[in-house]
């Protein structure tokens, strides 16, 4: 059965790049969100069992999405994908419940390695 996968990023180019970087044969049903508010609603609707989340977005940023998921007790495995690689950002998203942090642009090998690390593939 396909895993509901949400790719939440305000950049269409980044969303496409992440989708193309997914490991071959990974059974996913992809939903795209263009901002954090849309992304959070998709998670609430069950479309984000696995989530690739950007941090810098309009309406609601990635930190706010992570906080809402944690506060609402939503079931989502979230991996942050961002160009912001400051140690403080990494520590903050981990505290908020993100599984891991991948730097943009996404390296397909790194993505597969991260998914394996958490038993997602």
C-alpha atoms as a PDB file:
ATOM      1  CA  UNK A   1       0.000   0.000   0.000  1.00  0.00           C
ATOM      2  CA  UNK A   2       1.291   3.446  -0.946  1.00  0.00           C
ATOM      3  CA  UNK A   3       2.427   5.774   1.840  1.00  0.00           C
ATOM      4  CA  UNK A   4       0.738   9.204   1.795  1.00  0.00           C
ATOM      5  CA  UNK A   5       3.685  11.539   1.136  1.00  0.00           C
ATOM      6  CA  UNK A   6       3.425  15.301   1.423  1.00  0.00           C
ATOM      7  CA  UNK A   7       6.020  17.570  -0.162  1.00  0.00           C
ATOM      8  CA  UNK A   8       5.558  21.026   1.334  1.00  0.00           C
ATOM      9  CA  UNK A   9       7.620  23.800  -0.262  1.00  0.00           C
ATOM     10  CA  UNK A  10       6.703  27.180  -1.745  1.00  0.00           C
ATOM     11  CA  UNK A  11       9.051  26.598  -4.698  1.00  0.00           C
ATOM     12  CA  UNK A  12       7.604  24.515  -7.535  1.00  0.00           C
ATOM     13  CA  UNK A  13      11.144  23.732  -8.690  1.00  0.00           C
ATOM     14  CA  UNK A  14      12.064  22.416  -5.225  1.00  0.00           C
ATOM     15  CA  UNK A  15       8.872  20.299  -5.008  1.00  0.00           C
ATOM     16  CA  UNK A  16       9.639  18.703  -8.374  1.00  0.00           C
ATOM     17  CA  UNK A  17      13.286  18.145  -7.467  1.00  0.00           C
ATOM     18  CA  UNK A  18      12.343  16.353  -4.225  1.00  0.00           C
ATOM     19  CA  UNK A  19       9.775  14.185  -6.055  1.00  0.00           C
ATOM     20  CA  UNK A  20      12.399  13.244  -8.673  1.00  0.00           C
ATOM     21  CA  UNK A  21      14.901  12.389  -5.902  1.00  0.00           C
ATOM     22  CA  UNK A  22      12.700   9.735  -4.311  1.00  0.00           C
ATOM     23  CA  UNK A  23      14.172   6.223  -4.375  1.00  0.00           C
ATOM     24  CA  UNK A  24      12.950   4.074  -7.257  1.00  0.00           C
ATOM     25  CA  UNK A  25      10.219   1.657  -6.268  1.00  0.00           C
ATOM     26  CA  UNK A  26       9.150   3.679  -3.204  1.00  0.00           C
ATOM     27  CA  UNK A  27       5.361   3.229  -2.993  1.00  0.00           C
ATOM     28  CA  UNK A  28       4.025   6.711  -2.303  1.00  0.00           C
ATOM     29  CA  UNK A  29       0.928   8.726  -3.026  1.00  0.00           C
ATOM     30  CA  UNK A  30       2.279  12.284  -3.397  1.00  0.00           C
ATOM     31  CA  UNK A  31       0.467  15.459  -2.381  1.00  0.00           C
ATOM     32  CA  UNK A  32       2.071  18.869  -2.909  1.00  0.00           C
ATOM     33  CA  UNK A  33       1.531  21.905  -0.674  1.00  0.00           C
ATOM     34  CA  UNK A  34       2.762  25.407  -1.530  1.00  0.00           C
ATOM     35  CA  UNK A  35       2.798  26.835   2.003  1.00  0.00           C
ATOM     36  CA  UNK A  36       2.714  25.723   5.614  1.00  0.00           C
ATOM     37  CA  UNK A  37      -1.025  26.292   6.128  1.00  0.00           C
ATOM     38  CA  UNK A  38      -1.824  24.088   3.106  1.00  0.00           C
ATOM     39  CA  UNK A  39       0.687  21.524   4.333  1.00  0.00           C
ATOM     40  CA  UNK A  40      -0.768  21.384   7.827  1.00  0.00           C
ATOM     41  CA  UNK A  41      -4.273  20.883   6.414  1.00  0.00           C
ATOM     42  CA  UNK A  42      -2.982  18.046   4.207  1.00  0.00           C
ATOM     43  CA  UNK A  43      -1.438  16.376   7.288  1.00  0.00           C
ATOM     44  CA  UNK A  44      -4.758  16.777   9.153  1.00  0.00           C
ATOM     45  CA  UNK A  45      -6.490  15.193   6.121  1.00  0.00           C
ATOM     46  CA  UNK A  46      -4.225  12.142   6.311  1.00  0.00           C
ATOM     47  CA  UNK A  47      -2.184  13.012   3.222  1.00  0.00           C
ATOM     48  CA  UNK A  48       1.093  13.385   5.083  1.00  0.00           C
ATOM     49  CA  UNK A  49       2.080  10.220   6.880  1.00  0.00           C
ATOM     50  CA  UNK A  50       5.566  11.056   5.588  1.00  0.00           C
ATOM     51  CA  UNK A  51       6.355  14.755   5.079  1.00  0.00           C
ATOM     52  CA  UNK A  52       9.207  16.623   3.417  1.00  0.00           C
ATOM     53  CA  UNK A  53       8.955  20.117   4.839  1.00  0.00           C
ATOM     54  CA  UNK A  54      10.649  23.367   3.838  1.00  0.00           C
ATOM     55  CA  UNK A  55      11.289  25.904   6.613  1.00  0.00           C
ATOM     56  CA  UNK A  56      10.945  29.223   4.788  1.00  0.00           C
ATOM     57  CA  UNK A  57       7.455  29.605   3.328  1.00  0.00           C
ATOM     58  CA  UNK A  58       4.642  32.168   3.240  1.00  0.00           C
ATOM     59  CA  UNK A  59       1.532  32.059   5.474  1.00  0.00           C
ATOM     60  CA  UNK A  60       3.026  29.528   7.877  1.00  0.00           C
ATOM     61  CA  UNK A  61       6.672  28.486   7.992  1.00  0.00           C
ATOM     62  CA  UNK A  62       8.068  25.029   8.641  1.00  0.00           C
ATOM     63  CA  UNK A  63       8.688  25.730  12.322  1.00  0.00           C
ATOM     64  CA  UNK A  64       5.030  26.684  12.799  1.00  0.00           C
ATOM     65  CA  UNK A  65       3.921  23.520  10.984  1.00  0.00           C
ATOM     66  CA  UNK A  66       6.149  21.386  13.239  1.00  0.00           C
ATOM     67  CA  UNK A  67       4.763  23.145  16.334  1.00  0.00           C
ATOM     68  CA  UNK A  68       1.151  22.614  15.194  1.00  0.00           C
ATOM     69  CA  UNK A  69       1.764  18.918  14.389  1.00  0.00           C
ATOM     70  CA  UNK A  70       3.287  18.451  17.842  1.00  0.00           C
ATOM     71  CA  UNK A  71       0.552  20.436  19.647  1.00  0.00           C
ATOM     72  CA  UNK A  72      -2.274  18.661  17.805  1.00  0.00           C
ATOM     73  CA  UNK A  73      -0.636  15.254  18.247  1.00  0.00           C
ATOM     74  CA  UNK A  74      -0.811  14.547  14.520  1.00  0.00           C
ATOM     75  CA  UNK A  75       0.849  11.396  13.252  1.00  0.00           C
ATOM     76  CA  UNK A  76       3.461  12.442  10.698  1.00  0.00           C
ATOM     77  CA  UNK A  77       7.078  11.482  10.079  1.00  0.00           C
ATOM     78  CA  UNK A  78       8.614  14.809   9.101  1.00  0.00           C
ATOM     79  CA  UNK A  79      11.954  15.359   7.409  1.00  0.00           C
ATOM     80  CA  UNK A  80      12.933  18.992   6.974  1.00  0.00           C
ATOM     81  CA  UNK A  81      14.450  19.928   3.619  1.00  0.00           C
ATOM     82  CA  UNK A  82      15.932  23.408   3.686  1.00  0.00           C
ATOM     83  CA  UNK A  83      18.783  25.595   2.545  1.00  0.00           C
ATOM     84  CA  UNK A  84      19.034  26.937   6.110  1.00  0.00           C
ATOM     85  CA  UNK A  85      21.677  24.647   7.588  1.00  0.00           C
ATOM     86  CA  UNK A  86      22.602  26.649  10.682  1.00  0.00           C
ATOM     87  CA  UNK A  87      23.135  24.389  13.710  1.00  0.00           C
ATOM     88  CA  UNK A  88      20.456  26.345  15.595  1.00  0.00           C
ATOM     89  CA  UNK A  89      17.881  25.581  12.876  1.00  0.00           C
ATOM     90  CA  UNK A  90      18.828  21.891  12.952  1.00  0.00           C
ATOM     91  CA  UNK A  91      18.532  21.728  16.749  1.00  0.00           C
ATOM     92  CA  UNK A  92      15.217  23.585  16.743  1.00  0.00           C
ATOM     93  CA  UNK A  93      13.508  21.347  14.167  1.00  0.00           C
ATOM     94  CA  UNK A  94      14.722  18.243  16.005  1.00  0.00           C
ATOM     95  CA  UNK A  95      13.269  19.596  19.283  1.00  0.00           C
ATOM     96  CA  UNK A  96       9.988  20.175  17.447  1.00  0.00           C
ATOM     97  CA  UNK A  97       9.844  16.542  16.359  1.00  0.00           C
ATOM     98  CA  UNK A  98      11.422  16.417  12.905  1.00  0.00           C
ATOM     99  CA  UNK A  99      13.198  13.116  12.234  1.00  0.00           C
ATOM    100  CA  UNK A 100      16.041  14.660  10.284  1.00  0.00           C
ATOM    101  CA  UNK A 101      17.275  17.595   8.246  1.00  0.00           C
ATOM    102  CA  UNK A 102      18.387  17.408   4.606  1.00  0.00           C
ATOM    103  CA  UNK A 103      20.066  20.281   2.813  1.00  0.00           C
ATOM    104  CA  UNK A 104      18.685  21.702  -0.453  1.00  0.00           C
ATOM    105  CA  UNK A 105      19.104  20.858  -3.238  1.00  0.00           C
ATOM    106  CA  UNK A 106      18.265  17.284  -2.272  1.00  0.00           C
ATOM    107  CA  UNK A 107      20.862  14.644  -2.986  1.00  0.00           C
ATOM    108  CA  UNK A 108      18.981  11.411  -3.946  1.00  0.00           C
ATOM    109  CA  UNK A 109      21.546   9.211  -2.133  1.00  0.00           C
ATOM    110  CA  UNK A 110      21.256  11.277   1.057  1.00  0.00           C
ATOM    111  CA  UNK A 111      17.462  11.110   0.834  1.00  0.00           C
ATOM    112  CA  UNK A 112      17.489   7.307   0.418  1.00  0.00           C
ATOM    113  CA  UNK A 113      19.993   6.977   3.279  1.00  0.00           C
ATOM    114  CA  UNK A 114      17.775   9.091   5.567  1.00  0.00           C
ATOM    115  CA  UNK A 115      14.652   7.083   4.673  1.00  0.00           C
ATOM    116  CA  UNK A 116      16.552   3.829   5.364  1.00  0.00           C
ATOM    117  CA  UNK A 117      17.876   5.171   8.673  1.00  0.00           C
ATOM    118  CA  UNK A 118      14.309   5.566   9.938  1.00  0.00           C
ATOM    119  CA  UNK A 119      13.023   2.320   8.438  1.00  0.00           C
ATOM    120  CA  UNK A 120      10.891   4.154   5.895  1.00  0.00           C
ATOM    121  CA  UNK A 121      12.330   2.063   3.042  1.00  0.00           C
END
